[in-house]
Amino acid sequence: MAFRPTHRQLEYAVALAETGHFGAAARRCHVSQPTLSVQIAQLEAQLGTPLFDRTPGRVQPTAIGMRVIEAARSVLLTLDDIVAVAASGARNLGGLIRLGVAPTFGPYFLPHLLSPLHARFPSLQIYIKEERPAAILREVVSGALDCGLGPAPDSGHAVTFRRLCRESIFLGVPKDHPLAALGHVDPQALRGERLLTLGRGHHLFERTRQLAAACGAEMREDYEGTSLDALRQMVLMGMGMSLFPELYARSEFRMEDDIALLTLDGWPASREMGYFWRAGNGRAAQFEELARASEATCATLGLGSR
């Protein structure tokens, strides 16, 4: 029978590749350094090729080693999926979901979802990490997160996207601006206007850049907001205009605010929101069930249906 590495050998190899140090890798794996060193040496001998270059102060994968490490990560993620599926049944969706959420959507959607979700799956725990969608995507693909909740990722990524709803996007302008009283606006009327945006890695950054390119507005990257609240304050101060998603606007805007929310005529002022997970993930059925449970919340909030 052909040699097959053990899962422990794969764990050791991945840890060594990520830490670049035998001692640090051993501590991560909760074993002694000699134990880890011996297992790595055995793995290289049995595979018939060196996986790591040992240099003073640093250990790094060889070209073949990098390919083996990537395959090892995939195998370890699959083993994790098997354990989660076996432990879950349909009653608790695996017991724990490490969920990355876009900060422009999650904080305004999850409060409506979590209470009924807990009532239905009382043993389910959800570890929530707010992060830019681009970072969530990377962590979902790498396995650091189980699932993401946010805008649809660009095509070409190794993830499955499950659409939940379509969320409207509004243009926020100061109430003393000539366009404020119109209620809606042709994007061409924004030529020369200043558009404020969140930083790179946010979906709204890309949408703002597209809008600026389409209408000839000035996109002010030197005034990037760190949050939607920061953007709202900058608009209030008359520094420019900005895009705001529907749930945020409902939650945070008040009648007394000196900001008008306008719809954009003839421009795709909405975004598809949903869950996404690593393609081929063995927990796909659990995440589908999570999405189905979330659809009721979308309906309650009056968000666009599938």
Protein backbone atom coordinates (compact mmCIF):
# COMPACT_ATOMS: atom_id res chain seq x y z
CA MET A 1 0.00 0.00 0.00
CA ALA A 2 1.33 3.47 -0.92
CA PHE A 3 2.53 5.67 1.90
CA ARG A 4 -0.02 8.11 3.30
CA PRO A 5 0.95 10.90 5.69
CA THR A 6 -0.84 10.96 9.01
CA HIS A 7 -3.01 13.91 9.94
CA ARG A 8 -0.53 14.75 12.69
CA GLN A 9 2.32 14.94 10.19
CA LEU A 10 0.21 17.24 8.04
CA GLU A 11 -0.59 19.44 11.06
CA TYR A 12 3.09 19.66 11.94
CA ALA A 13 4.05 20.56 8.36
CA VAL A 14 1.40 23.29 8.11
CA ALA A 15 2.38 24.73 11.50
CA LEU A 16 6.07 24.77 10.52
CA ALA A 17 5.28 26.48 7.22
CA GLU A 18 3.20 29.15 8.97
CA THR A 19 5.58 29.84 11.85
CA GLY A 20 8.91 29.31 10.10
CA HIS A 21 10.40 27.95 13.33
CA PHE A 22 10.51 24.43 14.78
CA GLY A 23 10.06 25.62 18.35
CA ALA A 24 7.07 27.86 17.53
CA ALA A 25 5.47 25.10 15.46
CA ALA A 26 5.92 22.61 18.30
CA ARG A 27 4.30 24.99 20.79
CA ARG A 28 1.36 25.53 18.46
CA CYS A 29 0.88 21.77 18.13
CA HIS A 30 1.41 21.15 21.89
CA VAL A 31 4.29 18.72 21.37
CA SER A 32 8.00 18.82 22.08
CA GLN A 33 10.33 20.22 19.44
CA PRO A 34 12.18 16.87 19.00
CA THR A 35 8.85 15.12 18.36
CA LEU A 36 7.89 17.60 15.66
CA SER A 37 11.37 17.56 14.10
CA VAL A 38 11.41 13.75 13.90
CA GLN A 39 7.95 13.64 12.31
CA ILE A 40 8.86 16.26 9.71
CA ALA A 41 12.05 14.35 8.87
CA GLN A 42 10.09 11.10 8.54
CA LEU A 43 7.52 12.79 6.31
CA GLU A 44 10.26 14.09 4.00
CA ALA A 45 11.98 10.68 3.93
CA GLN A 46 8.76 8.83 3.14
CA LEU A 47 7.77 11.31 0.44
CA GLY A 48 11.27 11.21 -0.97
CA THR A 49 11.77 14.97 -1.21
CA PRO A 50 12.75 17.83 1.11
CA LEU A 51 9.77 19.96 2.06
CA PHE A 52 11.66 22.69 3.94
CA ASP A 53 14.85 24.67 3.54
CA ARG A 54 16.60 25.04 6.90
CA THR A 55 18.53 28.28 7.20
CA PRO A 56 19.84 30.04 10.34
CA GLY A 57 16.91 31.68 12.06
CA ARG A 58 14.34 30.67 9.47
CA VAL A 59 12.68 27.57 8.02
CA GLN A 60 10.68 27.94 4.82
CA PRO A 61 9.00 25.52 2.39
CA THR A 62 10.72 24.43 -0.80
CA ALA A 63 8.84 24.79 -4.09
CA ILE A 64 7.51 21.24 -3.72
CA GLY A 65 6.92 21.86 -0.05
CA MET A 66 4.62 24.80 -0.80
CA ARG A 67 2.44 22.56 -2.97
CA VAL A 68 2.40 19.84 -0.31
CA ILE A 69 1.49 22.36 2.40
CA GLU A 70 -1.42 23.70 0.35
CA ALA A 71 -2.71 20.15 -0.17
CA ALA A 72 -2.22 19.44 3.54
CA ARG A 73 -4.35 22.46 4.49
CA SER A 74 -7.12 21.20 2.22
CA VAL A 75 -6.97 17.71 3.77
CA LEU A 76 -7.08 19.11 7.32
CA LEU A 77 -10.05 21.33 6.48
CA THR A 78 -11.87 18.31 5.06
CA LEU A 79 -11.18 16.36 8.24
CA ASP A 80 -12.59 19.25 10.27
CA ASP A 81 -15.70 19.21 8.09
CA ILE A 82 -16.16 15.47 8.67
CA VAL A 83 -16.00 15.94 12.45
CA ALA A 84 -18.48 18.82 12.32
CA VAL A 85 -20.94 16.93 10.13
CA ALA A 86 -20.78 13.85 12.35
CA ALA A 87 -21.30 15.91 15.49
CA SER A 88 -24.08 18.07 14.22
CA GLY A 89 -27.17 16.33 13.02
CA ALA A 90 -29.78 18.85 11.92
CA ARG A 91 -30.38 20.07 15.45
CA ASN A 92 -27.53 22.48 16.07
CA LEU A 93 -25.89 23.17 12.68
CA GLY A 94 -22.55 21.78 13.83
CA GLY A 95 -22.61 23.37 17.27
CA LEU A 96 -20.27 26.22 16.29
CA ILE A 97 -20.06 28.46 13.23
CA ARG A 98 -17.20 30.90 12.82
CA LEU A 99 -19.02 33.60 10.89
CA GLY A 100 -17.40 36.61 9.25
CA VAL A 101 -19.81 39.50 8.74
CA ALA A 102 -19.49 42.69 6.72
CA PRO A 103 -19.64 45.67 9.14
CA THR A 104 -21.99 47.51 6.77
CA PHE A 105 -24.61 44.74 7.04
CA GLY A 106 -24.06 42.34 9.93
CA PRO A 107 -24.62 44.72 12.87
CA TYR A 108 -27.98 45.82 11.41
CA PHE A 109 -29.16 42.35 10.34
CA LEU A 110 -27.95 39.98 13.04
CA PRO A 111 -29.90 41.55 15.95
CA HIS A 112 -33.10 40.57 14.11
CA LEU A 113 -31.82 37.07 13.31
CA LEU A 114 -30.03 35.76 16.38
CA SER A 115 -32.94 35.53 18.83
CA PRO A 116 -35.21 33.38 16.60
CA LEU A 117 -32.15 31.41 15.46
CA HIS A 118 -31.24 30.61 19.07
CA ALA A 119 -34.81 29.56 19.79
CA ARG A 120 -34.68 27.12 16.88
CA PHE A 121 -31.11 25.88 17.46
CA PRO A 122 -30.46 26.36 21.20
CA SER A 123 -27.12 24.52 21.14
CA LEU A 124 -25.72 26.53 18.25
CA GLN A 125 -22.91 28.96 19.02
CA ILE A 126 -21.88 31.60 16.48
CA TYR A 127 -18.47 33.22 16.74
CA ILE A 128 -18.92 36.56 14.96
CA LYS A 129 -16.03 38.47 13.41
CA GLU A 130 -16.66 41.83 11.74
CA GLU A 131 -14.27 42.42 8.89
CA ARG A 132 -14.04 43.91 5.42
CA PRO A 133 -15.60 41.58 2.82
CA ALA A 134 -12.26 41.09 1.03
CA ALA A 135 -10.65 39.87 4.26
CA ILE A 136 -13.63 37.64 5.08
CA LEU A 137 -13.34 36.02 1.67
CA ARG A 138 -9.66 35.23 2.21
CA GLU A 139 -10.35 33.70 5.62
CA VAL A 140 -13.25 31.62 4.34
CA VAL A 141 -11.10 30.22 1.53
CA SER A 142 -8.23 29.48 3.94
CA GLY A 143 -10.55 27.86 6.51
CA ALA A 144 -9.95 30.43 9.25
CA LEU A 145 -13.69 31.20 9.04
CA ASP A 146 -16.44 28.71 8.28
CA CYS A 147 -18.79 31.06 6.53
CA GLY A 148 -19.19 34.69 5.51
CA LEU A 149 -22.21 37.01 5.48
CA GLY A 150 -22.03 39.96 3.16
CA PRO A 151 -22.08 41.08 -0.48
CA ALA A 152 -21.72 38.50 -3.23
CA PRO A 153 -18.00 37.86 -3.90
CA ASP A 154 -16.69 38.43 -7.39
CA SER A 155 -16.87 35.40 -9.66
CA GLY A 156 -13.80 33.23 -9.91
CA HIS A 157 -13.33 32.64 -6.19
CA ALA A 158 -13.50 29.11 -4.79
CA VAL A 159 -16.66 29.72 -2.77
CA THR A 160 -20.35 28.92 -2.93
CA PHE A 161 -22.64 31.95 -2.58
CA ARG A 162 -26.19 31.56 -1.24
CA ARG A 163 -28.21 34.69 -1.95
CA LEU A 164 -30.49 35.95 0.81
CA CYS A 165 -31.81 39.28 -0.38
CA ARG A 166 -31.22 42.43 -2.35
CA GLU A 167 -30.50 45.51 -0.26
CA SER A 168 -31.06 49.01 -1.63
CA ILE A 169 -28.29 51.60 -1.61
CA PHE A 170 -29.06 55.31 -1.17
CA LEU A 171 -27.07 58.46 -1.83
CA GLY A 172 -26.78 60.63 1.27
CA VAL A 173 -26.42 64.38 0.67
CA PRO A 174 -26.53 67.38 3.06
CA LYS A 175 -30.08 68.75 3.37
CA ASP A 176 -28.93 72.19 2.28
CA HIS A 177 -27.65 70.79 -1.03
CA PRO A 178 -29.71 71.77 -4.13
CA LEU A 179 -30.37 68.07 -4.90
CA ALA A 180 -31.65 67.24 -1.41
CA ALA A 181 -35.30 68.13 -2.03
CA LEU A 182 -35.63 65.98 -5.17
CA GLY A 183 -35.95 62.56 -3.52
CA HIS A 184 -34.18 60.98 -6.47
CA VAL A 185 -31.44 62.04 -8.83
CA ASP A 186 -29.98 61.27 -12.24
CA PRO A 187 -26.36 60.17 -11.66
CA GLN A 188 -25.24 62.59 -14.36
CA ALA A 189 -26.26 65.43 -12.03
CA LEU A 190 -23.39 64.35 -9.75
CA ARG A 191 -20.67 65.44 -12.18
CA GLY A 192 -18.03 67.35 -10.25
CA GLU A 193 -19.52 66.46 -6.85
CA ARG A 194 -17.35 64.95 -4.11
CA LEU A 195 -18.08 61.32 -3.22
CA LEU A 196 -16.83 60.02 0.13
CA THR A 197 -16.22 56.33 0.66
CA LEU A 198 -15.17 53.58 3.01
CA GLY A 199 -11.65 52.18 2.59
CA ARG A 200 -10.47 49.58 0.13
CA GLY A 201 -11.70 46.06 0.76
CA HIS A 202 -15.28 47.23 1.34
CA HIS A 203 -17.93 46.50 -1.27
CA LEU A 204 -19.13 50.11 -1.02
CA PHE A 205 -15.67 51.33 -2.02
CA GLU A 206 -16.03 49.56 -5.35
CA ARG A 207 -19.61 50.77 -5.83
CA THR A 208 -18.57 54.36 -5.13
CA ARG A 209 -15.71 54.08 -7.60
CA GLN A 210 -18.11 52.73 -10.24
CA LEU A 211 -20.57 55.56 -9.61
CA ALA A 212 -17.83 58.19 -9.79
CA ALA A 213 -16.56 56.76 -13.08
CA ALA A 214 -20.07 56.61 -14.55
CA CYS A 215 -21.05 60.18 -13.75
CA GLY A 216 -17.80 62.12 -13.56
CA ALA A 217 -17.93 62.74 -9.81
CA GLU A 218 -14.76 63.16 -7.74
CA MET A 219 -14.05 60.19 -5.50
CA ARG A 220 -12.25 61.47 -2.40
CA GLU A 221 -9.95 58.63 -1.33
CA ASP A 222 -8.05 61.05 0.90
CA TYR A 223 -11.18 61.22 3.05
CA GLU A 224 -11.93 57.52 3.39
CA GLY A 225 -14.26 56.74 6.28
CA THR A 226 -13.45 54.02 8.77
CA SER A 227 -17.14 53.30 9.28
CA LEU A 228 -20.56 54.26 8.00
CA ASP A 229 -20.98 56.43 11.08
CA ALA A 230 -17.82 58.33 10.16
CA LEU A 231 -19.09 58.86 6.62
CA ARG A 232 -22.43 60.10 7.95
CA GLN A 233 -20.64 62.67 10.11
CA MET A 234 -18.55 63.87 7.17
CA VAL A 235 -21.66 64.28 5.04
CA LEU A 236 -23.30 66.21 7.88
CA MET A 237 -20.32 68.57 7.84
CA GLY A 238 -20.79 69.23 4.15
CA MET A 239 -17.59 67.47 3.07
CA GLY A 240 -19.32 65.56 0.28
CA MET A 241 -21.86 62.84 -0.51
CA SER A 242 -21.75 59.13 0.23
CA LEU A 243 -23.53 55.84 -0.40
CA PHE A 244 -25.44 54.25 2.49
CA PRO A 245 -27.01 50.76 2.52
CA GLU A 246 -30.66 50.30 3.40
CA LEU A 247 -30.46 48.57 6.79
CA TYR A 248 -27.91 51.06 8.08
CA ALA A 249 -30.07 53.96 6.93
CA ARG A 250 -33.14 52.52 8.66
CA SER A 251 -31.24 51.95 11.87
CA GLU A 252 -29.16 55.10 12.17
CA PHE A 253 -30.77 57.94 10.22
CA ARG A 254 -33.29 60.15 11.98
CA MET A 255 -35.76 62.69 10.64
CA GLU A 256 -33.89 65.45 12.41
CA ASP A 257 -30.60 64.54 10.72
CA ASP A 258 -29.44 67.13 8.23
CA ILE A 259 -28.96 64.47 5.56
CA ALA A 260 -31.33 63.57 2.72
CA LEU A 261 -31.34 60.05 1.27
CA LEU A 262 -31.84 59.96 -2.49
CA THR A 263 -32.46 57.11 -4.89
CA LEU A 264 -30.34 57.00 -8.03
CA ASP A 265 -32.21 56.82 -11.32
CA GLY A 266 -31.00 54.32 -13.89
CA TRP A 267 -28.06 53.08 -11.83
CA PRO A 268 -27.92 49.68 -10.06
CA ALA A 269 -28.35 51.11 -6.56
CA SER A 270 -28.58 47.81 -4.70
CA ARG A 271 -26.42 44.88 -3.67
CA GLU A 272 -26.97 41.15 -3.32
CA MET A 273 -26.36 39.90 0.21
CA GLY A 274 -25.98 36.36 1.41
CA TYR A 275 -23.82 33.64 2.90
CA PHE A 276 -20.73 32.20 1.26
CA TRP A 277 -18.50 29.28 2.16
CA ARG A 278 -15.59 27.33 0.75
CA ALA A 279 -16.57 25.35 -2.34
CA GLY A 280 -16.86 21.66 -1.51
CA ASN A 281 -17.23 22.33 2.22
CA GLY A 282 -18.71 19.28 3.92
CA ARG A 283 -20.93 21.56 6.03
CA ALA A 284 -22.73 23.03 3.02
CA ALA A 285 -26.06 21.53 4.13
CA GLN A 286 -25.73 23.27 7.52
CA PHE A 287 -25.01 26.62 5.92
CA GLU A 288 -27.97 26.15 3.57
CA GLU A 289 -30.14 25.56 6.62
CA LEU A 290 -28.74 28.72 8.21
CA ALA A 291 -29.62 30.62 5.04
CA ARG A 292 -33.17 29.26 5.05
CA ALA A 293 -33.59 30.33 8.66
CA SER A 294 -32.28 33.79 7.72
CA GLU A 295 -34.77 34.24 4.88
CA ALA A 296 -37.59 34.67 7.39
CA THR A 297 -35.66 37.58 8.91
CA CYS A 298 -35.21 39.12 5.45
CA ALA A 299 -38.95 38.85 4.88
CA THR A 300 -39.69 40.45 8.25
CA LEU A 301 -37.38 43.33 7.40
CA GLY A 302 -38.95 43.74 3.97
CA LEU A 303 -35.69 43.20 2.11
CA GLY A 304 -35.87 42.17 -1.53
CA SER A 305 -36.64 38.48 -1.90
CA ARG A 306 -34.80 35.91 -3.97
